[in-house]
Amino acid sequence: MITVQGVTKRYGDLKAVSDLNFNIETGEIVGLLGQNGAGKTTCMKMITGYLEPSAGTITVDGLDVIRQRTQVQSLVGYLPESAPLYPEMRVEEYLKFIAELRGLKGRKGQEAINEALEATALTARRKQEISTLSKGYKQRVGIAQAIIHQPSILILDEPTNGLDPVQIQEIRSLIKRLAKDTTILLSTHILSEIEAVCDRVVILIDGELACDSGLEDLLSQASVSLKLKDAQDVEQKLLDHFDHLEAVSYLTQDADGFEQYLIQVKESVNPSALISDLAELCLKENWVLGGLSVETQSLESAFRNLMSEHIARALES
C-alpha cells in the first residue's frame, strides 16, 4: 500500500530524514514513533505529497507520490498536527466546504457529510460553531474532514496531542473503529499510544530508521541486562565467548560506576540459559558484577535501548 524507499529530506545543510526504507501493508495500523524533531511530520508530509523528498521514492497503491500527486491525494485522508479548521464556521458548513473541495456535491456530498459526522460522533454538534467546541471535539472535526471522501489510507499526525485522558481514550476508540476499513499511519511520541492502537511500530531517531517491527514480535523479545565495574573490552569478549549472541550494546554508567550492557541473543536461544555462563565469565575476567537479569522487552525499554545505541554510535563517529 505504502512503500518508502531510500527517502532523504534536506533543508539546506540539515537532514530532516535520512535514507528511510519501510513498507505499510493494506489494513495495518502503523505507529510512527520518535522523540520531538525525529522527522515524523516530515515523513508524513512526504507520503501525502505536501513535501517532495530530496532523494528516494514513495509510492502509494503503486502510484508515485511526486508524478501522480493528485491521484495519491485522492486515496489519502490527512490530519496534520494542527487541524486545518475554520473556527467561525459551523461543523456541517465546514465539512460541506471540504466535501466540495473533494468533488463531492449535492446528494453525494450530503451523504458523505452525514457518514463522517456519524463515524466521528459529531451528529449532535453539526450546527455548532467550531470555535465553541472543546479541543477533543475539534480533533474529531479534523478527523471527519480527513475521512469525508472515504480514503483507503488515513494519516494522522499526533492525533491526541494536548487532549485530556478522557478525550485521548475517545480518539483512540475512534481510530480503532476507522481501522476496520482503512489503512492507518499515525505519528506520536507517546509510547502508550502505540501499544493501545497499533499493530506495528516504525521508530525514527534523529531522522534515521531505528526499528521496523510488529508490536507483538518486538514486545516478545527478551534480552540480558548486565552491570559491570572494572571491565575492559566487554562487547568483544562476550561476542568471542558466546556464538549465539545477536548484539552487545553499552547503555549507560550509574552513579556507582557500574556500566550497563544489553545482551541480545539469537531467536532460537533462551536468555535464561546464559545466566550461569555469563557469571562464570565475569569471575574469570575479574569483572565486578553489579547485576545480571533477563528482561522481557517493553516498548519503553526498546525505545530507550535504541536511543542509547544511537547515541553511542554518534559518539564513536
Protein backbone atom coordinates (compact mmCIF):
# COMPACT_ATOMS: atom_id res chain seq x y z
CA MET A 1 0.00 0.00 0.00
CA ILE A 2 2.74 2.49 1.00
CA THR A 3 6.39 2.00 0.02
CA VAL A 4 9.12 4.36 1.22
CA GLN A 5 12.43 3.62 -0.47
CA GLY A 6 15.75 5.40 0.13
CA VAL A 7 13.99 8.62 1.14
CA THR A 8 16.02 11.59 2.36
CA LYS A 9 14.81 15.12 3.02
CA ARG A 10 17.21 18.05 3.40
CA TYR A 11 16.55 21.63 4.42
CA GLY A 12 19.79 23.27 3.36
CA ASP A 13 22.54 21.61 5.39
CA LEU A 14 20.03 19.98 7.76
CA LYS A 15 18.96 16.39 7.10
CA ALA A 16 15.43 16.00 8.48
CA VAL A 17 15.25 12.33 7.45
CA SER A 18 17.94 10.10 6.03
CA ASP A 19 17.64 7.04 3.77
CA LEU A 20 14.29 5.78 5.08
CA ASN A 21 13.04 2.39 3.90
CA PHE A 22 9.78 0.78 5.04
CA ASN A 23 6.50 -0.64 3.72
CA ILE A 24 2.96 -0.43 5.07
CA GLU A 25 0.56 -3.16 4.00
CA THR A 26 -3.18 -2.85 3.42
CA GLY A 27 -5.18 -2.98 6.65
CA GLU A 28 -2.31 -2.28 9.03
CA ILE A 29 -2.33 0.29 11.83
CA VAL A 30 1.26 1.51 11.97
CA GLY A 31 2.67 3.84 14.60
CA LEU A 32 5.44 6.22 13.61
CA LEU A 33 7.26 6.75 16.89
CA GLY A 34 10.05 9.15 17.77
CA GLN A 35 11.07 12.00 20.00
CA ASN A 36 10.13 15.56 19.02
CA GLY A 37 12.22 16.52 15.99
CA ALA A 38 12.82 12.92 14.92
CA GLY A 39 11.39 13.52 11.43
CA LYS A 40 7.89 12.05 11.86
CA THR A 41 5.97 15.04 10.47
CA THR A 42 8.41 15.47 7.58
CA CYS A 43 7.95 11.81 6.70
CA MET A 44 4.17 12.10 6.75
CA LYS A 45 4.15 15.26 4.66
CA MET A 46 6.24 13.49 2.03
CA ILE A 47 3.90 10.48 1.96
CA THR A 48 0.90 12.78 1.47
CA GLY A 49 2.64 14.78 -1.27
CA TYR A 50 2.86 18.05 0.68
CA LEU A 51 6.66 17.86 0.57
CA GLU A 52 8.96 16.38 -2.05
CA PRO A 53 11.86 14.17 -0.93
CA SER A 54 15.38 15.31 -1.72
CA ALA A 55 16.17 11.72 -2.71
CA GLY A 56 14.36 8.39 -2.93
CA THR A 57 10.86 7.38 -3.95
CA ILE A 58 7.46 7.00 -2.27
CA THR A 59 4.58 5.08 -3.80
CA VAL A 60 1.00 4.75 -2.55
CA ASP A 61 -1.02 1.89 -4.01
CA GLY A 62 1.56 1.73 -6.81
CA LEU A 63 1.29 5.45 -7.61
CA ASP A 64 4.32 7.71 -7.41
CA VAL A 65 3.66 10.49 -4.89
CA ILE A 66 5.51 13.11 -6.95
CA ARG A 67 4.50 12.22 -10.51
CA GLN A 68 0.91 11.22 -9.63
CA ARG A 69 0.33 13.52 -6.67
CA THR A 70 -3.37 14.29 -7.31
CA GLN A 71 -4.27 10.61 -7.67
CA VAL A 72 -2.38 9.77 -4.48
CA GLN A 73 -4.07 12.54 -2.52
CA SER A 74 -7.49 11.25 -3.61
CA LEU A 75 -6.66 8.00 -1.79
CA VAL A 76 -5.37 9.63 1.38
CA GLY A 77 -7.06 11.31 4.32
CA TYR A 78 -4.69 13.54 6.29
CA LEU A 79 -4.95 15.13 9.71
CA PRO A 80 -1.97 17.48 10.30
CA GLU A 81 -0.72 18.11 13.84
CA SER A 82 -2.70 21.36 13.87
CA ALA A 83 -6.15 20.52 12.50
CA PRO A 84 -6.99 22.74 9.47
CA LEU A 85 -10.21 24.22 10.85
CA TYR A 86 -12.06 27.50 10.28
CA PRO A 87 -13.32 28.45 13.77
CA GLU A 88 -16.02 30.82 12.51
CA MET A 89 -17.72 28.02 10.52
CA ARG A 90 -20.28 25.60 11.87
CA VAL A 91 -19.27 21.92 11.83
CA GLU A 92 -21.59 20.88 8.97
CA GLU A 93 -20.78 24.04 6.98
CA TYR A 94 -17.07 23.30 7.25
CA LEU A 95 -17.50 19.66 6.22
CA LYS A 96 -19.61 20.75 3.23
CA PHE A 97 -16.75 23.04 2.18
CA ILE A 98 -14.26 20.14 2.47
CA ALA A 99 -16.60 17.75 0.63
CA GLU A 100 -16.86 20.17 -2.29
CA LEU A 101 -13.08 20.52 -2.42
CA ARG A 102 -13.02 16.72 -2.71
CA GLY A 103 -15.51 16.87 -5.59
CA LEU A 104 -18.47 15.67 -3.52
CA LYS A 105 -21.54 17.83 -4.19
CA GLY A 106 -25.30 17.58 -3.97
CA ARG A 107 -26.80 14.39 -2.57
CA LYS A 108 -23.50 12.53 -2.74
CA GLY A 109 -21.83 15.30 -0.76
CA GLN A 110 -24.55 15.34 1.90
CA GLU A 111 -24.34 11.57 2.28
CA ALA A 112 -20.57 11.85 2.76
CA ILE A 113 -21.06 14.58 5.40
CA ASN A 114 -23.64 12.51 7.28
CA GLU A 115 -21.40 9.45 7.27
CA ALA A 116 -18.39 11.44 8.51
CA LEU A 117 -20.47 13.05 11.26
CA GLU A 118 -21.78 9.65 12.37
CA ALA A 119 -18.34 7.99 12.26
CA THR A 120 -16.85 10.69 14.49
CA ALA A 121 -19.89 11.01 16.80
CA LEU A 122 -20.45 14.64 15.75
CA THR A 123 -24.04 14.43 14.55
CA ALA A 124 -25.36 16.27 17.62
CA ARG A 125 -22.76 19.02 17.07
CA ARG A 126 -23.36 19.56 13.35
CA LYS A 127 -24.87 23.06 13.81
CA GLN A 128 -22.34 24.17 16.43
CA GLU A 129 -19.70 26.79 15.64
CA ILE A 130 -16.24 25.21 15.62
CA SER A 131 -14.79 27.93 17.86
CA THR A 132 -17.13 26.83 20.67
CA LEU A 133 -16.05 23.16 20.60
CA SER A 134 -13.67 21.60 23.11
CA LYS A 135 -10.24 20.57 21.83
CA GLY A 136 -11.33 16.94 21.73
CA TYR A 137 -14.32 17.74 19.52
CA LYS A 138 -12.20 19.97 17.30
CA GLN A 139 -9.91 16.98 16.81
CA ARG A 140 -12.95 14.93 15.83
CA VAL A 141 -13.84 17.55 13.22
CA GLY A 142 -10.28 17.29 11.93
CA ILE A 143 -10.66 13.54 11.58
CA ALA A 144 -14.09 13.98 9.94
CA GLN A 145 -12.56 16.16 7.21
CA ALA A 146 -9.85 13.55 6.69
CA ILE A 147 -12.32 10.68 6.15
CA ILE A 148 -15.11 12.52 4.30
CA HIS A 149 -14.08 11.08 0.91
CA GLN A 150 -13.73 7.55 2.39
CA PRO A 151 -9.98 7.26 1.80
CA SER A 152 -8.25 3.89 1.76
CA ILE A 153 -5.36 5.39 3.75
CA LEU A 154 -5.61 7.63 6.81
CA ILE A 155 -2.57 9.58 8.03
CA LEU A 156 -2.82 11.16 11.48
CA ASP A 157 -0.07 13.39 12.87
CA GLU A 158 -0.12 13.42 16.71
CA PRO A 159 -3.91 12.86 16.82
CA THR A 160 -4.18 13.03 20.65
CA ASN A 161 -1.64 15.79 21.29
CA GLY A 162 -2.86 18.15 24.02
CA LEU A 163 -6.02 16.20 24.85
CA ASP A 164 -7.11 15.21 28.34
CA PRO A 165 -7.24 11.49 29.35
CA VAL A 166 -10.93 11.08 28.53
CA GLN A 167 -10.54 12.74 25.12
CA ILE A 168 -7.46 10.61 24.39
CA GLN A 169 -9.44 7.43 25.06
CA GLU A 170 -12.28 8.64 22.83
CA ILE A 171 -9.93 9.41 19.93
CA ARG A 172 -8.17 6.04 20.34
CA SER A 173 -11.52 4.24 20.20
CA LEU A 174 -12.43 6.24 17.10
CA ILE A 175 -9.15 5.30 15.38
CA LYS A 176 -9.78 1.61 16.11
CA ARG A 177 -13.25 1.83 14.59
CA LEU A 178 -11.95 3.57 11.48
CA ALA A 179 -9.21 0.93 11.11
CA LYS A 180 -11.79 -1.71 10.18
CA ASP A 181 -11.95 -0.27 6.65
CA THR A 182 -8.80 1.85 6.40
CA THR A 183 -5.00 1.51 6.47
CA ILE A 184 -3.76 3.91 9.17
CA LEU A 185 -0.40 5.56 9.80
CA LEU A 186 -0.26 7.68 12.93
CA SER A 187 2.66 9.54 14.44
CA THR A 188 3.27 10.07 18.13
CA HIS A 189 5.98 10.48 20.73
CA ILE A 190 3.74 8.81 23.33
CA LEU A 191 4.65 5.15 23.88
CA SER A 192 1.28 4.16 25.33
CA GLU A 193 -0.41 5.43 22.16
CA ILE A 194 1.42 2.84 20.08
CA GLU A 195 0.65 -0.01 22.49
CA ALA A 196 -3.03 0.95 22.70
CA VAL A 197 -3.75 1.30 18.98
CA CYS A 198 -1.08 -0.09 16.63
CA ASP A 199 -0.18 -3.45 15.09
CA ARG A 200 3.30 -2.35 14.09
CA VAL A 201 5.81 0.33 15.02
CA VAL A 202 8.33 2.27 12.91
CA ILE A 203 10.78 4.13 15.14
CA LEU A 204 12.70 7.17 13.93
CA ILE A 205 15.65 8.62 15.83
CA ASP A 206 17.21 11.85 14.54
CA GLY A 207 15.73 11.23 11.10
CA GLU A 208 17.01 7.66 10.78
CA LEU A 209 15.08 4.40 10.82
CA ALA A 210 15.95 2.71 14.12
CA CYS A 211 13.32 -0.05 14.17
CA ASP A 212 10.55 -1.51 12.00
CA SER A 213 8.75 -4.34 13.76
CA GLY A 214 5.41 -5.91 14.53
CA LEU A 215 4.46 -4.77 18.00
CA GLU A 216 3.82 -8.31 19.26
CA ASP A 217 7.21 -9.50 17.96
CA LEU A 218 9.01 -6.52 19.46
CA LEU A 219 7.46 -6.93 22.90
CA SER A 220 8.02 -10.71 22.98
CA GLN A 221 11.79 -10.33 22.66
CA ALA A 222 13.88 -10.96 25.78
CA SER A 223 17.44 -9.88 26.50
CA VAL A 224 20.00 -9.99 29.30
CA SER A 225 20.89 -6.93 31.35
CA LEU A 226 24.46 -6.95 32.67
CA LYS A 227 26.03 -4.42 35.07
CA LEU A 228 29.82 -4.43 35.46
CA LYS A 229 32.62 -2.44 37.02
CA ASP A 230 36.35 -2.55 36.21
CA ALA A 231 35.66 -4.34 32.93
CA GLN A 232 37.61 -3.97 29.70
CA ASP A 233 36.63 -4.89 26.11
CA VAL A 234 33.29 -6.25 27.32
CA GLU A 235 31.48 -6.27 23.98
CA GLN A 236 34.24 -8.07 22.11
CA LYS A 237 34.92 -10.64 24.85
CA LEU A 238 31.26 -11.54 25.14
CA LEU A 239 30.88 -11.94 21.37
CA ASP A 240 34.07 -14.04 21.20
CA HIS A 241 32.99 -16.27 24.10
CA PHE A 242 29.36 -16.90 23.06
CA ASP A 243 28.47 -17.79 19.48
CA HIS A 244 24.70 -17.31 19.91
CA LEU A 245 24.64 -13.59 20.73
CA GLU A 246 22.96 -11.18 18.33
CA ALA A 247 24.50 -7.99 19.74
CA VAL A 248 26.02 -6.43 22.85
CA SER A 249 25.26 -2.77 23.49
CA TYR A 250 26.67 -0.41 26.11
CA LEU A 251 23.81 1.60 27.61
CA THR A 252 24.94 3.82 30.47
CA GLN A 253 27.02 4.20 33.64
CA ASP A 254 25.35 4.69 37.02
CA ALA A 255 26.44 6.86 39.94
CA ASP A 256 28.39 3.95 41.49
CA GLY A 257 30.49 3.46 38.37
CA PHE A 258 28.73 0.32 37.12
CA GLU A 259 28.36 0.17 33.36
CA GLN A 260 25.17 -1.37 32.00
CA TYR A 261 25.14 -3.56 28.89
CA LEU A 262 22.25 -5.07 26.97
CA ILE A 263 22.87 -8.54 25.51
CA GLN A 264 20.55 -9.63 22.72
CA VAL A 265 20.52 -13.33 21.86
CA LYS A 266 19.57 -15.12 18.67
CA GLU A 267 15.92 -16.03 18.26
CA SER A 268 16.39 -19.74 18.98
CA VAL A 269 18.19 -19.17 22.32
CA ASN A 270 16.58 -18.82 25.75
CA PRO A 271 18.30 -15.87 27.50
CA SER A 272 17.86 -17.55 30.90
CA ALA A 273 20.24 -20.31 29.82
CA LEU A 274 23.07 -17.75 29.57
CA ILE A 275 22.95 -16.53 33.15
CA SER A 276 25.29 -19.05 34.78
CA ASP A 277 27.78 -18.96 31.88
CA LEU A 278 27.85 -15.16 31.98
CA ALA A 279 28.52 -15.22 35.73
CA GLU A 280 31.43 -17.65 35.20
CA LEU A 281 32.92 -15.41 32.51
CA CYS A 282 32.70 -12.38 34.81
CA LEU A 283 34.55 -14.33 37.52
CA LYS A 284 37.20 -15.49 35.06
CA GLU A 285 37.78 -11.94 33.75
CA ASN A 286 37.78 -10.41 37.29
CA TRP A 287 34.88 -8.16 36.38
CA VAL A 288 32.93 -6.76 39.33
CA LEU A 289 29.35 -7.93 38.77
CA GLY A 290 26.64 -5.49 39.84
CA GLY A 291 23.62 -7.09 38.24
CA LEU A 292 22.61 -9.87 35.87
CA SER A 293 18.99 -10.47 34.84
CA VAL A 294 16.70 -11.42 31.99
CA GLU A 295 14.45 -8.59 30.79
CA THR A 296 11.28 -9.02 28.78
CA GLN A 297 11.22 -6.05 26.47
CA SER A 298 8.66 -3.29 26.81
CA LEU A 299 8.18 -0.59 24.19
CA GLU A 300 9.75 1.86 26.63
CA SER A 301 12.86 -0.28 27.15
CA ALA A 302 13.12 -0.96 23.41
CA PHE A 303 12.96 2.75 22.64
CA ARG A 304 15.43 3.58 25.44
CA ASN A 305 17.88 0.94 24.20
CA LEU A 306 17.62 2.16 20.61
CA MET A 307 18.28 5.73 21.78
CA SER A 308 21.34 4.59 23.78
CA GLU A 309 22.70 2.66 20.80
CA HIS A 310 22.16 5.66 18.54
CA ILE A 311 23.96 7.99 20.95
CA ALA A 312 26.85 5.52 21.33
CA ARG A 313 27.27 5.30 17.53
CA ALA A 314 27.18 9.09 17.26
CA LEU A 315 29.90 9.46 19.90
CA GLU A 316 32.08 6.87 18.13
CA SER A 317 31.81 8.73 14.84
